[in-house]
């Protein structure tokens, strides 16, 4: 399969190929999906599985849970960044 994909310009490592076929990939580039569909002579709808329960779970999440890692998204001021001075550190460009 890797050779067939490579004929269409898609070089996939053995590890990535294994992950695509054995697990649920979290992301896939649309260009790559197009090549895979061409090689397999199928449509994206035949490869993708809808998961409406996961979409609904994201929709019903509280805004605080969605922005837990981003203080600015929660309306909080952004933290002040103070550069550290130390050995072997260059100054920023003038």
Protein backbone atom coordinates (compact mmCIF):
# COMPACT_ATOMS: atom_id res chain seq x y z
CA UNK A 1 0.00 0.00 0.00
CA UNK A 2 2.86 2.39 0.83
CA UNK A 3 4.27 1.89 -2.67
CA UNK A 4 0.91 2.63 -4.28
CA UNK A 5 0.52 5.79 -2.21
CA UNK A 6 4.08 6.85 -3.10
CA UNK A 7 3.19 6.55 -6.81
CA UNK A 8 0.70 9.36 -6.22
CA UNK A 9 3.20 11.45 -4.26
CA UNK A 10 2.22 10.49 -0.72
CA UNK A 11 5.18 9.19 1.28
CA UNK A 12 4.00 7.64 4.55
CA UNK A 13 6.32 6.11 7.13
CA UNK A 14 5.66 2.58 8.31
CA UNK A 15 4.68 3.91 11.75
CA UNK A 16 2.16 6.38 10.36
CA UNK A 17 0.72 3.75 8.03
CA UNK A 18 0.31 1.38 10.95
CA UNK A 19 -1.39 4.09 13.01
CA UNK A 20 -3.80 4.94 10.17
CA UNK A 21 -4.85 1.32 9.78
CA UNK A 22 -4.91 0.16 13.41
CA UNK A 23 -6.09 3.17 15.43
CA UNK A 24 -8.40 6.13 15.00
CA UNK A 25 -6.26 8.98 13.67
CA UNK A 26 -6.88 12.32 15.36
CA UNK A 27 -6.07 14.26 12.20
CA UNK A 28 -5.50 13.64 8.53
CA UNK A 29 -4.68 16.19 5.86
CA UNK A 30 -7.36 16.53 3.20
CA UNK A 31 -4.72 16.19 0.48
CA UNK A 32 -3.61 12.87 2.01
CA UNK A 33 -7.22 11.71 2.27
CA UNK A 34 -7.70 12.49 -1.42
CA UNK A 35 -4.68 10.37 -2.37
CA UNK A 36 -5.80 7.48 -0.14
CA UNK A 37 -9.27 7.57 -1.70
CA UNK A 38 -7.78 7.60 -5.21
CA UNK A 39 -5.56 4.60 -4.46
CA UNK A 40 -8.41 2.67 -2.79
CA UNK A 41 -10.94 3.81 -5.42
CA UNK A 42 -13.41 4.98 -2.81
CA UNK A 43 -14.95 8.16 -1.46
CA UNK A 44 -14.11 9.87 1.85
CA UNK A 45 -17.59 8.94 3.11
CA UNK A 46 -16.60 5.28 2.89
CA UNK A 47 -13.59 5.85 5.14
CA UNK A 48 -14.88 8.37 7.68
CA UNK A 49 -17.19 7.51 10.55
CA UNK A 50 -19.50 10.14 12.03
CA UNK A 51 -19.37 10.40 15.81
CA UNK A 52 -22.25 12.71 16.76
CA UNK A 53 -21.95 11.87 20.46
CA UNK A 54 -18.44 13.35 20.55
CA UNK A 55 -19.63 16.49 18.78
CA UNK A 56 -22.49 16.84 21.25
CA UNK A 57 -20.11 16.36 24.18
CA UNK A 58 -17.97 19.25 22.91
CA UNK A 59 -21.04 21.40 22.38
CA UNK A 60 -22.34 20.92 25.90
CA UNK A 61 -18.97 21.56 27.57
CA UNK A 62 -18.95 24.61 29.80
CA UNK A 63 -17.06 27.63 28.48
CA UNK A 64 -14.65 27.37 31.43
CA UNK A 65 -13.77 23.78 30.49
CA UNK A 66 -13.14 24.78 26.87
CA UNK A 67 -10.86 27.65 27.83
CA UNK A 68 -9.07 26.01 30.76
CA UNK A 69 -5.68 26.26 29.09
CA UNK A 70 -6.17 29.76 27.63
CA UNK A 71 -6.60 32.58 30.17
CA UNK A 72 -7.22 35.19 27.47
CA UNK A 73 -10.13 33.18 26.04
CA UNK A 74 -11.78 33.23 29.46
CA UNK A 75 -11.57 37.03 29.53
CA UNK A 76 -8.62 37.15 31.92
CA UNK A 77 -5.69 39.48 31.27
CA UNK A 78 -2.71 37.92 29.57
CA UNK A 79 0.24 37.22 31.87
CA UNK A 80 3.21 39.58 31.71
CA UNK A 81 6.30 38.02 30.20
CA UNK A 82 9.58 39.20 31.69
CA UNK A 83 12.75 38.21 29.82
CA UNK A 84 15.37 36.44 31.90
CA UNK A 85 18.91 37.71 31.77
CA UNK A 86 21.65 35.22 32.31
CA UNK A 87 24.82 33.70 31.03
CA UNK A 88 25.06 32.72 27.40
CA UNK A 89 21.96 34.64 26.44
CA UNK A 90 22.07 36.97 23.52
CA UNK A 91 20.23 40.26 23.37
CA UNK A 92 17.29 40.61 21.01
CA UNK A 93 18.01 42.26 17.65
CA UNK A 94 17.97 46.06 17.69
